[in-house]
PDB file of N, CA and C in Angstrom:
ATOM      1  N   MET A   1      -6.522  42.421 -41.169  1.00  0.00           N
ATOM      2  CA  MET A   1      -7.165  41.118 -41.278  1.00  0.00           C
ATOM      3  C   MET A   1      -6.150  39.982 -41.196  1.00  0.00           C
ATOM      4  N   ARG A   2      -5.010  40.165 -41.863  1.00  0.00           N
ATOM      5  CA  ARG A   2      -4.003  39.101 -41.845  1.00  0.00           C
ATOM      6  C   ARG A   2      -3.468  38.898 -40.431  1.00  0.00           C
ATOM      7  N   ALA A   3      -3.268  40.005 -39.714  1.00  0.00           N
ATOM      8  CA  ALA A   3      -2.756  39.921 -38.351  1.00  0.00           C
ATOM      9  C   ALA A   3      -3.752  39.165 -37.466  1.00  0.00           C
ATOM     10  N   ARG A   4      -5.011  39.472 -37.675  1.00  0.00           N
ATOM     11  CA  ARG A   4      -6.058  38.798 -36.868  1.00  0.00           C
ATOM     12  C   ARG A   4      -6.099  37.308 -37.189  1.00  0.00           C
ATOM     13  N   ALA A   5      -5.980  36.952 -38.443  1.00  0.00           N
ATOM     14  CA  ALA A   5      -5.987  35.547 -38.850  1.00  0.00           C
ATOM     15  C   ALA A   5      -4.778  34.820 -38.258  1.00  0.00           C
ATOM     16  N   ARG A   6      -3.636  35.504 -38.244  1.00  0.00           N
ATOM     17  CA  ARG A   6      -2.435  34.900 -37.674  1.00  0.00           C
ATOM     18  C   ARG A   6      -2.610  34.678 -36.174  1.00  0.00           C
ATOM     19  N   VAL A   7      -3.167  35.662 -35.482  1.00  0.00           N
ATOM     20  CA  VAL A   7      -3.404  35.534 -34.042  1.00  0.00           C
ATOM     21  C   VAL A   7      -4.375  34.390 -33.776  1.00  0.00           C
ATOM     22  N   MET A   8      -5.403  34.291 -34.581  1.00  0.00           N
ATOM     23  CA  MET A   8      -6.383  33.209 -34.404  1.00  0.00           C
ATOM     24  C   MET A   8      -5.719  31.848 -34.613  1.00  0.00           C
ATOM     25  N   GLY A   9      -4.828  31.775 -35.604  1.00  0.00           N
ATOM     26  CA  GLY A   9      -4.093  30.532 -35.859  1.00  0.00           C
ATOM     27  C   GLY A   9      -3.206  30.168 -34.683  1.00  0.00           C
ATOM     28  N   GLU A  10      -2.552  31.189 -34.108  1.00  0.00           N
ATOM     29  CA  GLU A  10      -1.694  30.936 -32.945  1.00  0.00           C
ATOM     30  C   GLU A  10      -2.514  30.477 -31.745  1.00  0.00           C
ATOM     31  N   ILE A  11      -3.674  31.072 -31.575  1.00  0.00           N
ATOM     32  CA  ILE A  11      -4.555  30.675 -30.468  1.00  0.00           C
ATOM     33  C   ILE A  11      -4.991  29.231 -30.633  1.00  0.00           C
ATOM     34  N   GLU A  12      -5.319  28.847 -31.843  1.00  0.00           N
ATOM     35  CA  GLU A  12      -5.728  27.463 -32.101  1.00  0.00           C
ATOM     36  C   GLU A  12      -4.585  26.495 -31.800  1.00  0.00           C
ATOM     37  N   GLU A  13      -3.360  26.879 -32.173  1.00  0.00           N
ATOM     38  CA  GLU A  13      -2.206  26.028 -31.891  1.00  0.00           C
ATOM     39  C   GLU A  13      -2.015  25.854 -30.379  1.00  0.00           C
ATOM     40  N   VAL A  14      -2.137  26.956 -29.656  1.00  0.00           N
ATOM     41  CA  VAL A  14      -1.991  26.894 -28.195  1.00  0.00           C
ATOM     42  C   VAL A  14      -3.078  26.001 -27.609  1.00  0.00           C
ATOM     43  N   GLN A  15      -4.297  26.152 -28.095  1.00  0.00           N
ATOM     44  CA  GLN A  15      -5.405  25.330 -27.596  1.00  0.00           C
ATOM     45  C   GLN A  15      -5.151  23.852 -27.884  1.00  0.00           C
ATOM     46  N   GLU A  16      -4.622  23.541 -29.049  1.00  0.00           N
ATOM     47  CA  GLU A  16      -4.324  22.148 -29.392  1.00  0.00           C
ATOM     48  C   GLU A  16      -3.237  21.580 -28.486  1.00  0.00           C
ATOM     49  N   ARG A  17      -2.203  22.407 -28.182  1.00  0.00           N
ATOM     50  CA  ARG A  17      -1.141  21.950 -27.277  1.00  0.00           C
ATOM     51  C   ARG A  17      -1.685  21.730 -25.867  1.00  0.00           C
ATOM     52  N   ILE A  18      -2.553  22.630 -25.430  1.00  0.00           N
ATOM     53  CA  ILE A  18      -3.158  22.479 -24.099  1.00  0.00           C
ATOM     54  C   ILE A  18      -3.989  21.202 -24.056  1.00  0.00           C
ATOM     55  N   LYS A  19      -4.758  20.951 -25.109  1.00  0.00           N
ATOM     56  CA  LYS A  19      -5.572  19.748 -25.160  1.00  0.00           C
ATOM     57  C   LYS A  19      -4.695  18.494 -25.117  1.00  0.00           C
ATOM     58  N   ALA A  20      -3.598  18.505 -25.869  1.00  0.00           N
ATOM     59  CA  ALA A  20      -2.683  17.357 -25.875  1.00  0.00           C
ATOM     60  C   ALA A  20      -2.046  17.171 -24.495  1.00  0.00           C
ATOM     61  N   ASP A  21      -1.667  18.277 -23.857  1.00  0.00           N
ATOM     62  CA  ASP A  21      -1.085  18.195 -22.513  1.00  0.00           C
ATOM     63  C   ASP A  21      -2.096  17.633 -21.514  1.00  0.00           C
ATOM     64  N   MET A  22      -3.335  18.062 -21.621  1.00  0.00           N
ATOM     65  CA  MET A  22      -4.374  17.576 -20.707  1.00  0.00           C
ATOM     66  C   MET A  22      -4.630  16.083 -20.915  1.00  0.00           C
ATOM     67  N   GLU A  23      -4.619  15.642 -22.158  1.00  0.00           N
ATOM     68  CA  GLU A  23      -4.809  14.217 -22.437  1.00  0.00           C
ATOM     69  C   GLU A  23      -3.655  13.401 -21.861  1.00  0.00           C
ATOM     70  N   ALA A  24      -2.427  13.930 -21.989  1.00  0.00           N
ATOM     71  CA  ALA A  24      -1.260  13.239 -21.434  1.00  0.00           C
ATOM     72  C   ALA A  24      -1.367  13.176 -19.906  1.00  0.00           C
ATOM     73  N   MET A  25      -1.811  14.257 -19.285  1.00  0.00           N
ATOM     74  CA  MET A  25      -1.982  14.268 -17.834  1.00  0.00           C
ATOM     75  C   MET A  25      -3.052  13.274 -17.396  1.00  0.00           C
ATOM     76  N   GLU A  26      -4.124  13.171 -18.163  1.00  0.00           N
ATOM     77  CA  GLU A  26      -5.183  12.204 -17.841  1.00  0.00           C
ATOM     78  C   GLU A  26      -4.637  10.779 -17.885  1.00  0.00           C
ATOM     79  N   GLU A  27      -3.817  10.487 -18.877  1.00  0.00           N
ATOM     80  CA  GLU A  27      -3.212   9.158 -18.982  1.00  0.00           C
ATOM     81  C   GLU A  27      -2.280   8.899 -17.810  1.00  0.00           C
ATOM     82  N   GLN A  28      -1.492   9.902 -17.436  1.00  0.00           N
ATOM     83  CA  GLN A  28      -0.589   9.750 -16.295  1.00  0.00           C
ATOM     84  C   GLN A  28      -1.372   9.534 -15.003  1.00  0.00           C
ATOM     85  N   MET A  29      -2.460  10.268 -14.834  1.00  0.00           N
ATOM     86  CA  MET A  29      -3.283  10.112 -13.639  1.00  0.00           C
ATOM     87  C   MET A  29      -3.910   8.721 -13.589  1.00  0.00           C
ATOM     88  N   ALA A  30      -4.349   8.223 -14.731  1.00  0.00           N
ATOM     89  CA  ALA A  30      -4.929   6.881 -14.779  1.00  0.00           C
ATOM     90  C   ALA A  30      -3.884   5.839 -14.402  1.00  0.00           C
ATOM     91  N   THR A  31      -2.652   6.022 -14.896  1.00  0.00           N
ATOM     92  CA  THR A  31      -1.573   5.098 -14.552  1.00  0.00           C
ATOM     93  C   THR A  31      -1.272   5.152 -13.062  1.00  0.00           C
ATOM     94  N   MET A  32      -1.239   6.350 -12.503  1.00  0.00           N
ATOM     95  CA  MET A  32      -0.981   6.494 -11.059  1.00  0.00           C
ATOM     96  C   MET A  32      -2.102   5.860 -10.247  1.00  0.00           C
ATOM     97  N   MET A  33      -3.348   6.028 -10.684  1.00  0.00           N
ATOM     98  CA  MET A  33      -4.478   5.423  -9.961  1.00  0.00           C
ATOM     99  C   MET A  33      -4.384   3.900  -9.999  1.00  0.00           C
ATOM    100  N   GLU A  34      -4.003   3.351 -11.138  1.00  0.00           N
ATOM    101  CA  GLU A  34      -3.833   1.901 -11.238  1.00  0.00           C
ATOM    102  C   GLU A  34      -2.751   1.423 -10.273  1.00  0.00           C
ATOM    103  N   ALA A  35      -1.642   2.155 -10.211  1.00  0.00           N
ATOM    104  CA  ALA A  35      -0.548   1.781  -9.308  1.00  0.00           C
ATOM    105  C   ALA A  35      -1.007   1.873  -7.857  1.00  0.00           C
ATOM    106  N   MET A  36      -1.750   2.910  -7.523  1.00  0.00           N
ATOM    107  CA  MET A  36      -2.236   3.070  -6.152  1.00  0.00           C
ATOM    108  C   MET A  36      -3.227   1.963  -5.779  1.00  0.00           C
ATOM    109  N   MET A  37      -4.091   1.601  -6.701  1.00  0.00           N
ATOM    110  CA  MET A  37      -5.046   0.523  -6.436  1.00  0.00           C
ATOM    111  C   MET A  37      -4.320  -0.803  -6.259  1.00  0.00           C
ATOM    112  N   SER A  38      -3.274  -1.011  -7.041  1.00  0.00           N
ATOM    113  CA  SER A  38      -2.477  -2.223  -6.910  1.00  0.00           C
ATOM    114  C   SER A  38      -1.805  -2.267  -5.540  1.00  0.00           C
ATOM    115  N   MET A  39      -1.251  -1.128  -5.110  1.00  0.00           N
ATOM    116  CA  MET A  39      -0.621  -1.063  -3.792  1.00  0.00           C
ATOM    117  C   MET A  39      -1.653  -1.304  -2.690  1.00  0.00           C
ATOM    118  N   LYS A  40      -2.852  -0.763  -2.862  1.00  0.00           N
ATOM    119  CA  LYS A  40      -3.923  -0.963  -1.872  1.00  0.00           C
ATOM    120  C   LYS A  40      -4.265  -2.445  -1.771  1.00  0.00           C
ATOM    121  N   ASN A  41      -4.369  -3.110  -2.908  1.00  0.00           N
ATOM    122  CA  ASN A  41      -4.677  -4.542  -2.904  1.00  0.00           C
ATOM    123  C   ASN A  41      -3.582  -5.335  -2.209  1.00  0.00           C
ATOM    124  N   ILE A  42      -2.328  -4.987  -2.465  1.00  0.00           N
ATOM    125  CA  ILE A  42      -1.204  -5.675  -1.817  1.00  0.00           C
ATOM    126  C   ILE A  42      -1.273  -5.468  -0.307  1.00  0.00           C
ATOM    127  N   MET A  43      -1.556  -4.234   0.117  1.00  0.00           N
ATOM    128  CA  MET A  43      -1.649  -3.943   1.548  1.00  0.00           C
ATOM    129  C   MET A  43      -2.792  -4.725   2.192  1.00  0.00           C
ATOM    130  N   GLU A  44      -3.918  -4.839   1.492  1.00  0.00           N
ATOM    131  CA  GLU A  44      -5.047  -5.601   2.034  1.00  0.00           C
ATOM    132  C   GLU A  44      -4.705  -7.078   2.164  1.00  0.00           C
ATOM    133  N   VAL A  45      -4.039  -7.627   1.159  1.00  0.00           N
ATOM    134  CA  VAL A  45      -3.636  -9.035   1.217  1.00  0.00           C
ATOM    135  C   VAL A  45      -2.663  -9.250   2.366  1.00  0.00           C
ATOM    136  N   ASN A  46      -1.713  -8.338   2.526  1.00  0.00           N
ATOM    137  CA  ASN A  46      -0.752  -8.453   3.621  1.00  0.00           C
ATOM    138  C   ASN A  46      -1.446  -8.356   4.970  1.00  0.00           C
ATOM    139  N   ALA A  47      -2.430  -7.466   5.094  1.00  0.00           N
ATOM    140  CA  ALA A  47      -3.160  -7.323   6.354  1.00  0.00           C
ATOM    141  C   ALA A  47      -3.895  -8.619   6.688  1.00  0.00           C
ATOM    142  N   VAL A  48      -4.485  -9.251   5.685  1.00  0.00           N
ATOM    143  CA  VAL A  48      -5.178 -10.522   5.907  1.00  0.00           C
ATOM    144  C   VAL A  48      -4.180 -11.588   6.330  1.00  0.00           C
ATOM    145  N   ALA A  49      -3.033 -11.628   5.668  1.00  0.00           N
ATOM    146  CA  ALA A  49      -2.017 -12.625   6.011  1.00  0.00           C
ATOM    147  C   ALA A  49      -1.532 -12.438   7.445  1.00  0.00           C
ATOM    148  N   VAL A  50      -1.332 -11.199   7.859  1.00  0.00           N
ATOM    149  CA  VAL A  50      -0.899 -10.920   9.237  1.00  0.00           C
ATOM    150  C   VAL A  50      -1.987 -11.334  10.214  1.00  0.00           C
ATOM    151  N   ALA A  51      -3.235 -11.029   9.901  1.00  0.00           N
ATOM    152  CA  ALA A  51      -4.336 -11.393  10.787  1.00  0.00           C
ATOM    153  C   ALA A  51      -4.437 -12.913  10.930  1.00  0.00           C
ATOM    154  N   VAL A  52      -4.302 -13.634   9.847  1.00  0.00           N
ATOM    155  CA  VAL A  52      -4.364 -15.097   9.891  1.00  0.00           C
ATOM    156  C   VAL A  52      -3.189 -15.644  10.708  1.00  0.00           C
ATOM    157  N   THR A  53      -2.010 -15.106  10.472  1.00  0.00           N
ATOM    158  CA  THR A  53      -0.826 -15.560  11.205  1.00  0.00           C
ATOM    159  C   THR A  53      -0.994 -15.306  12.701  1.00  0.00           C
ATOM    160  N   ASN A  54      -1.488 -14.126  13.051  1.00  0.00           N
ATOM    161  CA  ASN A  54      -1.700 -13.807  14.465  1.00  0.00           C
ATOM    162  C   ASN A  54      -2.741 -14.724  15.083  1.00  0.00           C
ATOM    163  N   THR A  55      -3.811 -15.010  14.344  1.00  0.00           N
ATOM    164  CA  THR A  55      -4.852 -15.898  14.848  1.00  0.00           C
ATOM    165  C   THR A  55      -4.294 -17.295  15.058  1.00  0.00           C
ATOM    166  N   LEU A  56      -3.519 -17.781  14.116  1.00  0.00           N
ATOM    167  CA  LEU A  56      -2.924 -19.113  14.250  1.00  0.00           C
ATOM    168  C   LEU A  56      -1.953 -19.160  15.424  1.00  0.00           C
ATOM    169  N   ALA A  57      -1.197 -18.087  15.625  1.00  0.00           N
ATOM    170  CA  ALA A  57      -0.256 -18.036  16.739  1.00  0.00           C
ATOM    171  C   ALA A  57      -0.994 -18.052  18.069  1.00  0.00           C
ATOM    172  N   GLU A  58      -2.167 -17.435  18.134  1.00  0.00           N
ATOM    173  CA  GLU A  58      -2.963 -17.453  19.358  1.00  0.00           C
ATOM    174  C   GLU A  58      -3.518 -18.842  19.626  1.00  0.00           C
ATOM    175  N   VAL A  59      -3.894 -19.545  18.573  1.00  0.00           N
ATOM    176  CA  VAL A  59      -4.444 -20.891  18.720  1.00  0.00           C
ATOM    177  C   VAL A  59      -3.357 -21.856  19.161  1.00  0.00           C
ATOM    178  N   ASP A  60      -2.187 -21.800  18.530  1.00  0.00           N
ATOM    179  CA  ASP A  60      -1.078 -22.693  18.848  1.00  0.00           C
ATOM    180  C   ASP A  60       0.201 -21.855  18.923  1.00  0.00           C
ATOM    181  N   PRO A  61       0.574 -21.374  20.116  1.00  0.00           N
ATOM    182  CA  PRO A  61       1.712 -20.469  20.224  1.00  0.00           C
ATOM    183  C   PRO A  61       3.076 -21.141  20.046  1.00  0.00           C
ATOM    184  N   THR A  62       3.122 -22.473  19.946  1.00  0.00           N
ATOM    185  CA  THR A  62       4.411 -23.131  19.762  1.00  0.00           C
ATOM    186  C   THR A  62       4.844 -23.013  18.311  1.00  0.00           C
ATOM    187  N   PRO A  63       6.123 -22.707  18.098  1.00  0.00           N
ATOM    188  CA  PRO A  63       6.582 -22.597  16.707  1.00  0.00           C
ATOM    189  C   PRO A  63       6.605 -23.969  16.047  1.00  0.00           C
ATOM    190  N   PRO A  64       6.518 -24.000  14.740  1.00  0.00           N
ATOM    191  CA  PRO A  64       6.572 -25.280  14.031  1.00  0.00           C
ATOM    192  C   PRO A  64       7.876 -26.018  14.355  1.00  0.00           C
ATOM    193  N   SER A  65       7.840 -27.341  14.265  1.00  0.00           N
ATOM    194  CA  SER A  65       9.003 -28.141  14.636  1.00  0.00           C
ATOM    195  C   SER A  65      10.230 -27.798  13.803  1.00  0.00           C
ATOM    196  N   GLY A  66      10.047 -27.434  12.572  1.00  0.00           N
ATOM    197  CA  GLY A  66      11.172 -27.053  11.725  1.00  0.00           C
ATOM    198  C   GLY A  66      11.910 -25.854  12.286  1.00  0.00           C
ATOM    199  N   LEU A  67      11.180 -24.895  12.840  1.00  0.00           N
ATOM    200  CA  LEU A  67      11.826 -23.729  13.427  1.00  0.00           C
ATOM    201  C   LEU A  67      12.595 -24.119  14.683  1.00  0.00           C
ATOM    202  N   ASN A  68      12.047 -25.043  15.480  1.00  0.00           N
ATOM    203  CA  ASN A  68      12.752 -25.491  16.680  1.00  0.00           C
ATOM    204  C   ASN A  68      14.075 -26.136  16.308  1.00  0.00           C
ATOM    205  N   GLN A  69      14.081 -26.904  15.250  1.00  0.00           N
ATOM    206  CA  GLN A  69      15.309 -27.576  14.834  1.00  0.00           C
ATOM    207  C   GLN A  69      16.346 -26.576  14.350  1.00  0.00           C
ATOM    208  N   ILE A  70      15.897 -25.527  13.724  1.00  0.00           N
ATOM    209  CA  ILE A  70      16.835 -24.512  13.246  1.00  0.00           C
ATOM    210  C   ILE A  70      17.444 -23.787  14.436  1.00  0.00           C
ATOM    211  N   ASN A  71      16.596 -23.398  15.394  1.00  0.00           N
ATOM    212  CA  ASN A  71      17.080 -22.657  16.551  1.00  0.00           C
ATOM    213  C   ASN A  71      17.818 -23.557  17.545  1.00  0.00           C
ATOM    214  N   HIS A  72      17.403 -24.794  17.670  1.00  0.00           N
ATOM    215  CA  HIS A  72      17.990 -25.736  18.615  1.00  0.00           C
ATOM    216  C   HIS A  72      18.194 -27.073  17.913  1.00  0.00           C
ATOM    217  N   PRO A  73      19.291 -27.230  17.185  1.00  0.00           N
ATOM    218  CA  PRO A  73      19.487 -28.488  16.473  1.00  0.00           C
ATOM    219  C   PRO A  73      19.616 -29.661  17.451  1.00  0.00           C
ATOM    220  N   PRO A  74      19.138 -30.831  17.049  1.00  0.00           N
ATOM    221  CA  PRO A  74      19.233 -31.982  17.947  1.00  0.00           C
ATOM    222  C   PRO A  74      20.692 -32.355  18.216  1.00  0.00           C
ATOM    223  N   ARG A  75      20.937 -32.797  19.422  1.00  0.00           N
ATOM    224  CA  ARG A  75      22.305 -33.217  19.765  1.00  0.00           C
ATOM    225  C   ARG A  75      22.518 -34.613  19.236  1.00  0.00           C
ATOM    226  N   ILE A  76      23.673 -34.828  18.682  1.00  0.00           N
ATOM    227  CA  ILE A  76      23.959 -36.158  18.099  1.00  0.00           C
ATOM    228  C   ILE A  76      24.803 -36.995  19.016  1.00  0.00           C
ATOM    229  N   TRP A  77      25.209 -36.569  20.186  1.00  0.00           N
ATOM    230  CA  TRP A  77      25.976 -37.395  21.098  1.00  0.00           C
ATOM    231  C   TRP A  77      25.355 -37.527  22.423  1.00  0.00           C
TER     232      TRP A  77
END
C-alpha cells in the first residue's frame, strides 16, 4: 500500500509539472502570436506606404526640388 501511495504521489507531481510546462508554453505561444501580428501590421503599413509612393511617382515622376538640389547643387558662379 505504501509503495502504491508513493507511486501515486509521484504521478501527481509529474502531472503538475506537465501542467506547469503546458501553461508556460501557452504563454510563450501567445507572446509569439502577438509578435507575429505586430510584424504583420508593420508589413501592411509598409505595403500601403510603398503603394502610395508608387502612385505619387506615377502622377508626378519628377523628384522633389530638394532632391534635385542635393543631386545637382546650384552653381554660384
